[in-house]
Amino acid sequence: MANIGFILNQSPFMGKNVETLYHLSMAALDKKHNVYIFLNQDAVLTPVKNQKHLDNRKSPREYIYDLIVKGANIVCNNLDIRIRGLDGGKAFLDGVKTGGLPDIAETVALMDKIICL
């Protein structure tokens, strides 16, 4: 069993990085690997509870929710949360943690592989 880390920086509504993160993470979780996801910069908007797509597609928060249910560990960067005026405890889905650079450093030290999106 491996520890696989993902660092996502891009906004959830730019490109397909959230979907890529979802599919890679689900494949790893299906193989019983540990998955750690660190949301940084605009990616901290991904697990916001009240977001949705206007065209009824699956929203980024729904992808994150599925990963949480499956067992992924998800952490949002504290500084990026504050810069964007979010209250992590109230704005995010249950199960999303907040942390800073020391947390990502500790997580990276445990990882067998890191993928940056």
PDB file of N, CA and C in Angstrom:
ATOM      1  N   MET A   1       0.853  -1.162   0.000  1.00  0.00           N
ATOM      2  CA  MET A   1       0.000   0.000   0.000  1.00  0.00           C
ATOM      3  C   MET A   1       0.909   1.238   0.000  1.00  0.00           C
ATOM      4  N   ALA A   2       0.656   2.139  -0.944  1.00  0.00           N
ATOM      5  CA  ALA A   2       1.479   3.341  -1.093  1.00  0.00           C
ATOM      6  C   ALA A   2       0.740   4.571  -0.572  1.00  0.00           C
ATOM      7  N   ASN A   3       1.503   5.597  -0.268  1.00  0.00           N
ATOM      8  CA  ASN A   3       0.960   6.902   0.080  1.00  0.00           C
ATOM      9  C   ASN A   3       1.132   7.801  -1.135  1.00  0.00           C
ATOM     10  N   ILE A   4       0.024   8.274  -1.675  1.00  0.00           N
ATOM     11  CA  ILE A   4       0.051   9.091  -2.878  1.00  0.00           C
ATOM     12  C   ILE A   4      -0.493  10.466  -2.544  1.00  0.00           C
ATOM     13  N   GLY A   5       0.280  11.494  -2.869  1.00  0.00           N
ATOM     14  CA  GLY A   5      -0.119  12.859  -2.574  1.00  0.00           C
ATOM     15  C   GLY A   5      -0.424  13.645  -3.837  1.00  0.00           C
ATOM     16  N   PHE A   6      -1.399  14.506  -3.738  1.00  0.00           N
ATOM     17  CA  PHE A   6      -1.771  15.395  -4.834  1.00  0.00           C
ATOM     18  C   PHE A   6      -1.752  16.823  -4.314  1.00  0.00           C
ATOM     19  N   ILE A   7      -1.227  17.727  -5.114  1.00  0.00           N
ATOM     20  CA  ILE A   7      -1.281  19.153  -4.813  1.00  0.00           C
ATOM     21  C   ILE A   7      -2.029  19.806  -5.957  1.00  0.00           C
ATOM     22  N   LEU A   8      -3.150  20.422  -5.634  1.00  0.00           N
ATOM     23  CA  LEU A   8      -3.974  21.080  -6.646  1.00  0.00           C
ATOM     24  C   LEU A   8      -3.928  22.574  -6.391  1.00  0.00           C
ATOM     25  N   ASN A   9      -3.582  23.356  -7.415  1.00  0.00           N
ATOM     26  CA  ASN A   9      -3.453  24.801  -7.292  1.00  0.00           C
ATOM     27  C   ASN A   9      -4.514  25.566  -8.076  1.00  0.00           C
ATOM     28  N   GLN A  10      -5.040  24.985  -9.102  1.00  0.00           N
ATOM     29  CA  GLN A  10      -5.885  25.700 -10.048  1.00  0.00           C
ATOM     30  C   GLN A  10      -7.337  25.810  -9.574  1.00  0.00           C
ATOM     31  N   SER A  11      -7.991  26.875  -9.970  1.00  0.00           N
ATOM     32  CA  SER A  11      -9.406  27.080  -9.669  1.00  0.00           C
ATOM     33  C   SER A  11     -10.221  25.877 -10.134  1.00  0.00           C
ATOM     34  N   PRO A  12     -11.271  25.509  -9.391  1.00  0.00           N
ATOM     35  CA  PRO A  12     -12.068  24.346  -9.775  1.00  0.00           C
ATOM     36  C   PRO A  12     -12.853  24.543 -11.071  1.00  0.00           C
ATOM     37  N   PHE A  13     -12.953  25.773 -11.541  1.00  0.00           N
ATOM     38  CA  PHE A  13     -13.727  26.025 -12.752  1.00  0.00           C
ATOM     39  C   PHE A  13     -12.859  26.346 -13.957  1.00  0.00           C
ATOM     40  N   MET A  14     -11.561  26.087 -13.852  1.00  0.00           N
ATOM     41  CA  MET A  14     -10.634  26.288 -14.969  1.00  0.00           C
ATOM     42  C   MET A  14     -10.074  24.933 -15.374  1.00  0.00           C
ATOM     43  N   GLY A  15     -10.388  24.501 -16.544  1.00  0.00           N
ATOM     44  CA  GLY A  15      -9.828  23.253 -17.031  1.00  0.00           C
ATOM     45  C   GLY A  15     -10.462  22.033 -16.383  1.00  0.00           C
ATOM     46  N   LYS A  16      -9.768  20.936 -16.481  1.00  0.00           N
ATOM     47  CA  LYS A  16     -10.274  19.641 -16.018  1.00  0.00           C
ATOM     48  C   LYS A  16      -9.439  19.049 -14.879  1.00  0.00           C
ATOM     49  N   ASN A  17      -8.673  19.896 -14.168  1.00  0.00           N
ATOM     50  CA  ASN A  17      -7.798  19.355 -13.135  1.00  0.00           C
ATOM     51  C   ASN A  17      -8.543  18.686 -11.997  1.00  0.00           C
ATOM     52  N   VAL A  18      -9.715  19.193 -11.621  1.00  0.00           N
ATOM     53  CA  VAL A  18     -10.474  18.553 -10.537  1.00  0.00           C
ATOM     54  C   VAL A  18     -10.940  17.164 -10.976  1.00  0.00           C
ATOM     55  N   GLU A  19     -11.379  17.054 -12.212  1.00  0.00           N
ATOM     56  CA  GLU A  19     -11.806  15.743 -12.709  1.00  0.00           C
ATOM     57  C   GLU A  19     -10.621  14.789 -12.803  1.00  0.00           C
ATOM     58  N   THR A  20      -9.471  15.288 -13.237  1.00  0.00           N
ATOM     59  CA  THR A  20      -8.266  14.462 -13.295  1.00  0.00           C
ATOM     60  C   THR A  20      -7.868  14.005 -11.896  1.00  0.00           C
ATOM     61  N   LEU A  21      -7.887  14.940 -10.947  1.00  0.00           N
ATOM     62  CA  LEU A  21      -7.607  14.609  -9.547  1.00  0.00           C
ATOM     63  C   LEU A  21      -8.551  13.520  -9.051  1.00  0.00           C
ATOM     64  N   TYR A  22      -9.813  13.676  -9.352  1.00  0.00           N
ATOM     65  CA  TYR A  22     -10.833  12.722  -8.921  1.00  0.00           C
ATOM     66  C   TYR A  22     -10.537  11.317  -9.474  1.00  0.00           C
ATOM     67  N   HIS A  23     -10.319  11.221 -10.767  1.00  0.00           N
ATOM     68  CA  HIS A  23     -10.126   9.902 -11.385  1.00  0.00           C
ATOM     69  C   HIS A  23      -8.828   9.233 -10.922  1.00  0.00           C
ATOM     70  N   LEU A  24      -7.745  10.012 -10.810  1.00  0.00           N
ATOM     71  CA  LEU A  24      -6.491   9.433 -10.321  1.00  0.00           C
ATOM     72  C   LEU A  24      -6.624   8.999  -8.860  1.00  0.00           C
ATOM     73  N   SER A  25      -7.263   9.833  -8.049  1.00  0.00           N
ATOM     74  CA  SER A  25      -7.446   9.511  -6.628  1.00  0.00           C
ATOM     75  C   SER A  25      -8.334   8.295  -6.440  1.00  0.00           C
ATOM     76  N   MET A  26      -9.426   8.232  -7.171  1.00  0.00           N
ATOM     77  CA  MET A  26     -10.331   7.076  -7.063  1.00  0.00           C
ATOM     78  C   MET A  26      -9.628   5.783  -7.468  1.00  0.00           C
ATOM     79  N   ALA A  27      -8.825   5.846  -8.521  1.00  0.00           N
ATOM     80  CA  ALA A  27      -8.092   4.654  -8.946  1.00  0.00           C
ATOM     81  C   ALA A  27      -7.129   4.205  -7.841  1.00  0.00           C
ATOM     82  N   ALA A  28      -6.461   5.167  -7.201  1.00  0.00           N
ATOM     83  CA  ALA A  28      -5.546   4.822  -6.110  1.00  0.00           C
ATOM     84  C   ALA A  28      -6.308   4.272  -4.907  1.00  0.00           C
ATOM     85  N   LEU A  29      -7.423   4.904  -4.561  1.00  0.00           N
ATOM     86  CA  LEU A  29      -8.222   4.432  -3.427  1.00  0.00           C
ATOM     87  C   LEU A  29      -8.800   3.047  -3.691  1.00  0.00           C
ATOM     88  N   ASP A  30      -9.195   2.778  -4.926  1.00  0.00           N
ATOM     89  CA  ASP A  30      -9.715   1.452  -5.283  1.00  0.00           C
ATOM     90  C   ASP A  30      -8.657   0.366  -5.095  1.00  0.00           C
ATOM     91  N   LYS A  31      -7.383   0.751  -5.237  1.00  0.00           N
ATOM     92  CA  LYS A  31      -6.285  -0.203  -5.046  1.00  0.00           C
ATOM     93  C   LYS A  31      -5.767  -0.183  -3.612  1.00  0.00           C
ATOM     94  N   LYS A  32      -6.553   0.466  -2.714  1.00  0.00           N
ATOM     95  CA  LYS A  32      -6.260   0.505  -1.274  1.00  0.00           C
ATOM     96  C   LYS A  32      -5.032   1.341  -0.909  1.00  0.00           C
ATOM     97  N   HIS A  33      -4.646   2.287  -1.773  1.00  0.00           N
ATOM     98  CA  HIS A  33      -3.567   3.209  -1.439  1.00  0.00           C
ATOM     99  C   HIS A  33      -4.122   4.340  -0.581  1.00  0.00           C
ATOM    100  N   ASN A  34      -3.270   4.968   0.199  1.00  0.00           N
ATOM    101  CA  ASN A  34      -3.644   6.151   0.969  1.00  0.00           C
ATOM    102  C   ASN A  34      -3.510   7.374   0.073  1.00  0.00           C
ATOM    103  N   VAL A  35      -4.526   8.228   0.072  1.00  0.00           N
ATOM    104  CA  VAL A  35      -4.517   9.417  -0.782  1.00  0.00           C
ATOM    105  C   VAL A  35      -4.599  10.663   0.085  1.00  0.00           C
ATOM    106  N   TYR A  36      -3.674  11.572  -0.155  1.00  0.00           N
ATOM    107  CA  TYR A  36      -3.618  12.858   0.534  1.00  0.00           C
ATOM    108  C   TYR A  36      -3.704  13.959  -0.516  1.00  0.00           C
ATOM    109  N   ILE A  37      -4.615  14.887  -0.323  1.00  0.00           N
ATOM    110  CA  ILE A  37      -4.819  15.973  -1.290  1.00  0.00           C
ATOM    111  C   ILE A  37      -4.657  17.298  -0.568  1.00  0.00           C
ATOM    112  N   PHE A  38      -3.767  18.141  -1.089  1.00  0.00           N
ATOM    113  CA  PHE A  38      -3.550  19.472  -0.528  1.00  0.00           C
ATOM    114  C   PHE A  38      -4.060  20.496  -1.536  1.00  0.00           C
ATOM    115  N   LEU A  39      -5.053  21.280  -1.140  1.00  0.00           N
ATOM    116  CA  LEU A  39      -5.641  22.297  -2.008  1.00  0.00           C
ATOM    117  C   LEU A  39      -5.005  23.641  -1.669  1.00  0.00           C
ATOM    118  N   ASN A  40      -4.451  24.255  -2.680  1.00  0.00           N
ATOM    119  CA  ASN A  40      -3.642  25.447  -2.526  1.00  0.00           C
ATOM    120  C   ASN A  40      -4.147  26.516  -3.487  1.00  0.00           C
ATOM    121  N   GLN A  41      -3.850  27.764  -3.242  1.00  0.00           N
ATOM    122  CA  GLN A  41      -4.223  28.886  -4.099  1.00  0.00           C
ATOM    123  C   GLN A  41      -5.732  28.846  -4.391  1.00  0.00           C
ATOM    124  N   ASP A  42      -6.149  28.993  -5.643  1.00  0.00           N
ATOM    125  CA  ASP A  42      -7.581  29.015  -5.966  1.00  0.00           C
ATOM    126  C   ASP A  42      -8.259  27.651  -5.808  1.00  0.00           C
ATOM    127  N   ALA A  43      -7.488  26.601  -5.666  1.00  0.00           N
ATOM    128  CA  ALA A  43      -8.077  25.278  -5.470  1.00  0.00           C
ATOM    129  C   ALA A  43      -8.833  25.170  -4.148  1.00  0.00           C
ATOM    130  N   VAL A  44      -8.583  26.102  -3.198  1.00  0.00           N
ATOM    131  CA  VAL A  44      -9.322  26.061  -1.935  1.00  0.00           C
ATOM    132  C   VAL A  44     -10.808  26.339  -2.150  1.00  0.00           C
ATOM    133  N   LEU A  45     -11.182  26.803  -3.322  1.00  0.00           N
ATOM    134  CA  LEU A  45     -12.602  27.019  -3.637  1.00  0.00           C
ATOM    135  C   LEU A  45     -13.314  25.719  -4.013  1.00  0.00           C
ATOM    136  N   THR A  46     -12.568  24.656  -4.216  1.00  0.00           N
ATOM    137  CA  THR A  46     -13.140  23.386  -4.668  1.00  0.00           C
ATOM    138  C   THR A  46     -14.131  22.768  -3.682  1.00  0.00           C
ATOM    139  N   PRO A  47     -13.842  22.697  -2.366  1.00  0.00           N
ATOM    140  CA  PRO A  47     -14.777  22.025  -1.448  1.00  0.00           C
ATOM    141  C   PRO A  47     -15.818  22.940  -0.806  1.00  0.00           C
ATOM    142  N   VAL A  48     -16.048  24.131  -1.371  1.00  0.00           N
ATOM    143  CA  VAL A  48     -17.047  25.038  -0.800  1.00  0.00           C
ATOM    144  C   VAL A  48     -18.426  24.399  -0.924  1.00  0.00           C
ATOM    145  N   LYS A  49     -19.163  24.356   0.196  1.00  0.00           N
ATOM    146  CA  LYS A  49     -20.435  23.630   0.279  1.00  0.00           C
ATOM    147  C   LYS A  49     -21.485  24.057  -0.738  1.00  0.00           C
ATOM    148  N   ASN A  50     -21.646  25.348  -0.947  1.00  0.00           N
ATOM    149  CA  ASN A  50     -22.817  25.820  -1.696  1.00  0.00           C
ATOM    150  C   ASN A  50     -22.570  26.060  -3.180  1.00  0.00           C
ATOM    151  N   GLN A  51     -21.483  25.566  -3.732  1.00  0.00           N
ATOM    152  CA  GLN A  51     -21.249  25.770  -5.157  1.00  0.00           C
ATOM    153  C   GLN A  51     -21.921  24.691  -5.991  1.00  0.00           C
ATOM    154  N   LYS A  52     -22.273  25.051  -7.212  1.00  0.00           N
ATOM    155  CA  LYS A  52     -22.811  24.070  -8.150  1.00  0.00           C
ATOM    156  C   LYS A  52     -22.644  24.590  -9.564  1.00  0.00           C
ATOM    157  N   HIS A  53     -22.658  23.679 -10.514  1.00  0.00           N
ATOM    158  CA  HIS A  53     -22.615  24.052 -11.924  1.00  0.00           C
ATOM    159  C   HIS A  53     -24.004  24.473 -12.357  1.00  0.00           C
ATOM    160  N   LEU A  54     -24.062  25.449 -13.210  1.00  0.00           N
ATOM    161  CA  LEU A  54     -25.356  25.916 -13.696  1.00  0.00           C
ATOM    162  C   LEU A  54     -25.959  24.974 -14.734  1.00  0.00           C
ATOM    163  N   ASP A  55     -25.138  24.162 -15.348  1.00  0.00           N
ATOM    164  CA  ASP A  55     -25.633  23.263 -16.395  1.00  0.00           C
ATOM    165  C   ASP A  55     -25.869  21.835 -15.903  1.00  0.00           C
ATOM    166  N   ASN A  56     -26.001  21.665 -14.593  1.00  0.00           N
ATOM    167  CA  ASN A  56     -26.325  20.379 -13.958  1.00  0.00           C
ATOM    168  C   ASN A  56     -25.248  19.308 -14.091  1.00  0.00           C
ATOM    169  N   ARG A  57     -24.042  19.704 -14.492  1.00  0.00           N
ATOM    170  CA  ARG A  57     -22.929  18.750 -14.453  1.00  0.00           C
ATOM    171  C   ARG A  57     -22.514  18.541 -12.998  1.00  0.00           C
ATOM    172  N   LYS A  58     -21.740  17.526 -12.753  1.00  0.00           N
ATOM    173  CA  LYS A  58     -21.221  17.270 -11.411  1.00  0.00           C
ATOM    174  C   LYS A  58     -20.303  18.422 -11.026  1.00  0.00           C
ATOM    175  N   SER A  59     -20.527  18.999  -9.844  1.00  0.00           N
ATOM    176  CA  SER A  59     -19.733  20.146  -9.402  1.00  0.00           C
ATOM    177  C   SER A  59     -18.423  19.675  -8.770  1.00  0.00           C
ATOM    178  N   PRO A  60     -17.424  20.562  -8.698  1.00  0.00           N
ATOM    179  CA  PRO A  60     -16.163  20.197  -8.044  1.00  0.00           C
ATOM    180  C   PRO A  60     -16.364  19.716  -6.609  1.00  0.00           C
ATOM    181  N   ARG A  61     -17.286  20.336  -5.862  1.00  0.00           N
ATOM    182  CA  ARG A  61     -17.493  19.904  -4.472  1.00  0.00           C
ATOM    183  C   ARG A  61     -18.029  18.482  -4.418  1.00  0.00           C
ATOM    184  N   GLU A  62     -18.801  18.070  -5.435  1.00  0.00           N
ATOM    185  CA  GLU A  62     -19.308  16.689  -5.464  1.00  0.00           C
ATOM    186  C   GLU A  62     -18.168  15.692  -5.686  1.00  0.00           C
ATOM    187  N   TYR A  63     -17.205  16.067  -6.523  1.00  0.00           N
ATOM    188  CA  TYR A  63     -16.023  15.210  -6.698  1.00  0.00           C
ATOM    189  C   TYR A  63     -15.278  15.070  -5.366  1.00  0.00           C
ATOM    190  N   ILE A  64     -15.081  16.194  -4.670  1.00  0.00           N
ATOM    191  CA  ILE A  64     -14.374  16.174  -3.389  1.00  0.00           C
ATOM    192  C   ILE A  64     -15.151  15.357  -2.361  1.00  0.00           C
ATOM    193  N   TYR A  65     -16.471  15.522  -2.322  1.00  0.00           N
ATOM    194  CA  TYR A  65     -17.299  14.760  -1.387  1.00  0.00           C
ATOM    195  C   TYR A  65     -17.115  13.256  -1.620  1.00  0.00           C
ATOM    196  N   ASP A  66     -17.154  12.834  -2.870  1.00  0.00           N
ATOM    197  CA  ASP A  66     -16.973  11.415  -3.190  1.00  0.00           C
ATOM    198  C   ASP A  66     -15.613  10.908  -2.706  1.00  0.00           C
ATOM    199  N   LEU A  67     -14.580  11.750  -2.844  1.00  0.00           N
ATOM    200  CA  LEU A  67     -13.248  11.348  -2.390  1.00  0.00           C
ATOM    201  C   LEU A  67     -13.180  11.244  -0.872  1.00  0.00           C
ATOM    202  N   ILE A  68     -13.839  12.158  -0.187  1.00  0.00           N
ATOM    203  CA  ILE A  68     -13.877  12.105   1.279  1.00  0.00           C
ATOM    204  C   ILE A  68     -14.554  10.812   1.731  1.00  0.00           C
ATOM    205  N   VAL A  69     -15.689  10.515   1.134  1.00  0.00           N
ATOM    206  CA  VAL A  69     -16.436   9.300   1.486  1.00  0.00           C
ATOM    207  C   VAL A  69     -15.586   8.056   1.246  1.00  0.00           C
ATOM    208  N   LYS A  70     -14.806   8.077   0.185  1.00  0.00           N
ATOM    209  CA  LYS A  70     -13.972   6.920  -0.177  1.00  0.00           C
ATOM    210  C   LYS A  70     -12.731   6.801   0.716  1.00  0.00           C
ATOM    211  N   GLY A  71     -12.368   7.895   1.447  1.00  0.00           N
ATOM    212  CA  GLY A  71     -11.262   7.799   2.390  1.00  0.00           C
ATOM    213  C   GLY A  71     -10.075   8.713   2.131  1.00  0.00           C
ATOM    214  N   ALA A  72     -10.182   9.616   1.167  1.00  0.00           N
ATOM    215  CA  ALA A  72      -9.075  10.543   0.899  1.00  0.00           C
ATOM    216  C   ALA A  72      -8.964  11.572   2.023  1.00  0.00           C
ATOM    217  N   ASN A  73      -7.758  11.982   2.307  1.00  0.00           N
ATOM    218  CA  ASN A  73      -7.476  13.037   3.293  1.00  0.00           C
ATOM    219  C   ASN A  73      -7.292  14.339   2.527  1.00  0.00           C
ATOM    220  N   ILE A  74      -8.107  15.330   2.826  1.00  0.00           N
ATOM    221  CA  ILE A  74      -8.085  16.585   2.073  1.00  0.00           C
ATOM    222  C   ILE A  74      -7.810  17.738   3.022  1.00  0.00           C
ATOM    223  N   VAL A  75      -6.808  18.549   2.660  1.00  0.00           N
ATOM    224  CA  VAL A  75      -6.402  19.698   3.468  1.00  0.00           C
ATOM    225  C   VAL A  75      -6.356  20.934   2.570  1.00  0.00           C
ATOM    226  N   CYS A  76      -6.941  22.037   3.068  1.00  0.00           N
ATOM    227  CA  CYS A  76      -6.896  23.323   2.375  1.00  0.00           C
ATOM    228  C   CYS A  76      -5.893  24.236   3.080  1.00  0.00           C
ATOM    229  N   ASN A  77      -5.167  25.003   2.318  1.00  0.00           N
ATOM    230  CA  ASN A  77      -4.157  25.914   2.843  1.00  0.00           C
ATOM    231  C   ASN A  77      -4.823  27.065   3.597  1.00  0.00           C
ATOM    232  N   ASN A  78      -4.460  27.230   4.880  1.00  0.00           N
ATOM    233  CA  ASN A  78      -5.035  28.281   5.736  1.00  0.00           C
ATOM    234  C   ASN A  78      -4.887  29.680   5.158  1.00  0.00           C
ATOM    235  N   LEU A  79      -3.704  30.007   4.688  1.00  0.00           N
ATOM    236  CA  LEU A  79      -3.454  31.351   4.170  1.00  0.00           C
ATOM    237  C   LEU A  79      -4.340  31.642   2.961  1.00  0.00           C
ATOM    238  N   ASP A  80      -4.452  30.691   2.058  1.00  0.00           N
ATOM    239  CA  ASP A  80      -5.288  30.883   0.872  1.00  0.00           C
ATOM    240  C   ASP A  80      -6.771  30.986   1.230  1.00  0.00           C
ATOM    241  N   ILE A  81      -7.167  30.301   2.278  1.00  0.00           N
ATOM    242  CA  ILE A  81      -8.553  30.401   2.751  1.00  0.00           C
ATOM    243  C   ILE A  81      -8.828  31.817   3.251  1.00  0.00           C
ATOM    244  N   ARG A  82      -7.921  32.326   4.075  1.00  0.00           N
ATOM    245  CA  ARG A  82      -8.107  33.676   4.636  1.00  0.00           C
ATOM    246  C   ARG A  82      -8.060  34.749   3.552  1.00  0.00           C
ATOM    247  N   ILE A  83      -7.154  34.624   2.607  1.00  0.00           N
ATOM    248  CA  ILE A  83      -7.039  35.612   1.521  1.00  0.00           C
ATOM    249  C   ILE A  83      -8.338  35.700   0.735  1.00  0.00           C
ATOM    250  N   ARG A  84      -9.029  34.572   0.573  1.00  0.00           N
ATOM    251  CA  ARG A  84     -10.272  34.541  -0.204  1.00  0.00           C
ATOM    252  C   ARG A  84     -11.515  34.802   0.645  1.00  0.00           C
ATOM    253  N   GLY A  85     -11.318  35.117   1.913  1.00  0.00           N
ATOM    254  CA  GLY A  85     -12.437  35.471   2.781  1.00  0.00           C
ATOM    255  C   GLY A  85     -13.322  34.313   3.159  1.00  0.00           C
ATOM    256  N   LEU A  86     -12.776  33.112   3.149  1.00  0.00           N
ATOM    257  CA  LEU A  86     -13.559  31.924   3.497  1.00  0.00           C
ATOM    258  C   LEU A  86     -13.354  31.564   4.960  1.00  0.00           C
ATOM    259  N   ASP A  87     -14.393  31.083   5.586  1.00  0.00           N
ATOM    260  CA  ASP A  87     -14.291  30.501   6.919  1.00  0.00           C
ATOM    261  C   ASP A  87     -14.300  28.997   6.705  1.00  0.00           C
ATOM    262  N   GLY A  88     -13.122  28.383   6.764  1.00  0.00           N
ATOM    263  CA  GLY A  88     -12.996  26.971   6.437  1.00  0.00           C
ATOM    264  C   GLY A  88     -13.944  26.059   7.182  1.00  0.00           C
ATOM    265  N   GLY A  89     -14.184  26.331   8.457  1.00  0.00           N
ATOM    266  CA  GLY A  89     -15.055  25.471   9.237  1.00  0.00           C
ATOM    267  C   GLY A  89     -16.497  25.504   8.782  1.00  0.00           C
ATOM    268  N   LYS A  90     -16.936  26.647   8.291  1.00  0.00           N
ATOM    269  CA  LYS A  90     -18.332  26.788   7.879  1.00  0.00           C
ATOM    270  C   LYS A  90     -18.518  26.672   6.376  1.00  0.00           C
ATOM    271  N   ALA A  91     -17.520  27.062   5.603  1.00  0.00           N
ATOM    272  CA  ALA A  91     -17.666  27.110   4.152  1.00  0.00           C
ATOM    273  C   ALA A  91     -17.460  25.756   3.483  1.00  0.00           C
ATOM    274  N   PHE A  92     -16.684  24.868   4.117  1.00  0.00           N
ATOM    275  CA  PHE A  92     -16.275  23.638   3.456  1.00  0.00           C
ATOM    276  C   PHE A  92     -17.145  22.441   3.834  1.00  0.00           C
ATOM    277  N   LEU A  93     -17.080  21.445   2.974  1.00  0.00           N
ATOM    278  CA  LEU A  93     -17.714  20.161   3.256  1.00  0.00           C
ATOM    279  C   LEU A  93     -17.141  19.567   4.540  1.00  0.00           C
ATOM    280  N   ASP A  94     -17.953  18.806   5.248  1.00  0.00           N
ATOM    281  CA  ASP A  94     -17.458  18.098   6.428  1.00  0.00           C
ATOM    282  C   ASP A  94     -16.365  17.125   5.996  1.00  0.00           C
ATOM    283  N   GLY A  95     -15.305  17.068   6.761  1.00  0.00           N
ATOM    284  CA  GLY A  95     -14.211  16.159   6.452  1.00  0.00           C
ATOM    285  C   GLY A  95     -13.017  16.841   5.813  1.00  0.00           C
ATOM    286  N   VAL A  96     -13.188  18.084   5.372  1.00  0.00           N
ATOM    287  CA  VAL A  96     -12.069  18.839   4.811  1.00  0.00           C
ATOM    288  C   VAL A  96     -11.351  19.532   5.957  1.00  0.00           C
ATOM    289  N   LYS A  97     -10.049  19.337   6.026  1.00  0.00           N
ATOM    290  CA  LYS A  97      -9.240  19.942   7.087  1.00  0.00           C
ATOM    291  C   LYS A  97      -8.550  21.188   6.547  1.00  0.00           C
ATOM    292  N   THR A  98      -8.057  22.007   7.455  1.00  0.00           N
ATOM    293  CA  THR A  98      -7.261  23.163   7.058  1.00  0.00           C
ATOM    294  C   THR A  98      -5.879  23.027   7.670  1.00  0.00           C
ATOM    295  N   GLY A  99      -4.897  23.568   6.981  1.00  0.00           N
ATOM    296  CA  GLY A  99      -3.532  23.491   7.470  1.00  0.00           C
ATOM    297  C   GLY A  99      -2.640  24.440   6.698  1.00  0.00           C
ATOM    298  N   GLY A 100      -1.387  24.475   7.074  1.00  0.00           N
ATOM    299  CA  GLY A 100      -0.442  25.383   6.443  1.00  0.00           C
ATOM    300  C   GLY A 100       0.740  24.651   5.852  1.00  0.00           C
ATOM    301  N   LEU A 101       1.793  25.406   5.572  1.00  0.00           N
ATOM    302  CA  LEU A 101       2.983  24.826   4.957  1.00  0.00           C
ATOM    303  C   LEU A 101       3.640  23.738   5.806  1.00  0.00           C
ATOM    304  N   PRO A 102       3.646  23.853   7.147  1.00  0.00           N
ATOM    305  CA  PRO A 102       4.202  22.731   7.926  1.00  0.00           C
ATOM    306  C   PRO A 102       3.434  21.425   7.697  1.00  0.00           C
ATOM    307  N   ASP A 103       2.114  21.541   7.513  1.00  0.00           N
ATOM    308  CA  ASP A 103       1.306  20.343   7.261  1.00  0.00           C
ATOM    309  C   ASP A 103       1.659  19.700   5.921  1.00  0.00           C
ATOM    310  N   ILE A 104       1.829  20.542   4.893  1.00  0.00           N
ATOM    311  CA  ILE A 104       2.181  19.968   3.595  1.00  0.00           C
ATOM    312  C   ILE A 104       3.587  19.372   3.642  1.00  0.00           C
ATOM    313  N   ALA A 105       4.500  19.998   4.391  1.00  0.00           N
ATOM    314  CA  ALA A 105       5.860  19.461   4.508  1.00  0.00           C
ATOM    315  C   ALA A 105       5.840  18.086   5.176  1.00  0.00           C
ATOM    316  N   GLU A 106       5.061  17.939   6.241  1.00  0.00           N
ATOM    317  CA  GLU A 106       4.946  16.643   6.921  1.00  0.00           C
ATOM    318  C   GLU A 106       4.322  15.608   5.999  1.00  0.00           C
ATOM    319  N   THR A 107       3.301  16.031   5.239  1.00  0.00           N
ATOM    320  CA  THR A 107       2.630  15.112   4.325  1.00  0.00           C
ATOM    321  C   THR A 107       3.567  14.665   3.211  1.00  0.00           C
ATOM    322  N   VAL A 108       4.307  15.606   2.636  1.00  0.00           N
ATOM    323  CA  VAL A 108       5.237  15.272   1.555  1.00  0.00           C
ATOM    324  C   VAL A 108       6.285  14.274   2.036  1.00  0.00           C
ATOM    325  N   ALA A 109       6.724  14.415   3.276  1.00  0.00           N
ATOM    326  CA  ALA A 109       7.727  13.504   3.817  1.00  0.00           C
ATOM    327  C   ALA A 109       7.210  12.062   3.880  1.00  0.00           C
ATOM    328  N   LEU A 110       5.894  11.896   3.994  1.00  0.00           N
ATOM    329  CA  LEU A 110       5.296  10.554   4.084  1.00  0.00           C
ATOM    330  C   LEU A 110       4.964   9.936   2.726  1.00  0.00           C
ATOM    331  N   MET A 111       4.982  10.738   1.676  1.00  0.00           N
ATOM    332  CA  MET A 111       4.490  10.297   0.371  1.00  0.00           C
ATOM    333  C   MET A 111       5.498   9.448  -0.387  1.00  0.00           C
ATOM    334  N   ASP A 112       4.961   8.453  -1.085  1.00  0.00           N
ATOM    335  CA  ASP A 112       5.763   7.671  -2.021  1.00  0.00           C
ATOM    336  C   ASP A 112       5.793   8.341  -3.389  1.00  0.00           C
ATOM    337  N   LYS A 113       4.697   9.005  -3.735  1.00  0.00           N
ATOM    338  CA  LYS A 113       4.566   9.739  -4.999  1.00  0.00           C
ATOM    339  C   LYS A 113       3.800  11.025  -4.742  1.00  0.00           C
ATOM    340  N   ILE A 114       4.178  12.099  -5.454  1.00  0.00           N
ATOM    341  CA  ILE A 114       3.473  13.381  -5.386  1.00  0.00           C
ATOM    342  C   ILE A 114       3.118  13.772  -6.817  1.00  0.00           C
ATOM    343  N   ILE A 115       1.881  14.176  -7.013  1.00  0.00           N
ATOM    344  CA  ILE A 115       1.422  14.643  -8.323  1.00  0.00           C
ATOM    345  C   ILE A 115       0.883  16.041  -8.142  1.00  0.00           C
ATOM    346  N   CYS A 116       1.410  16.987  -8.905  1.00  0.00           N
ATOM    347  CA  CYS A 116       0.954  18.378  -8.847  1.00  0.00           C
ATOM    348  C   CYS A 116       0.088  18.668 -10.071  1.00  0.00           C
ATOM    349  N   LEU A 117      -1.085  19.212  -9.801  1.00  0.00           N
ATOM    350  CA  LEU A 117      -2.001  19.548 -10.885  1.00  0.00           C
ATOM    351  C   LEU A 117      -2.281  21.042 -10.864  1.00  0.00           C
TER     352      LEU A 117
END
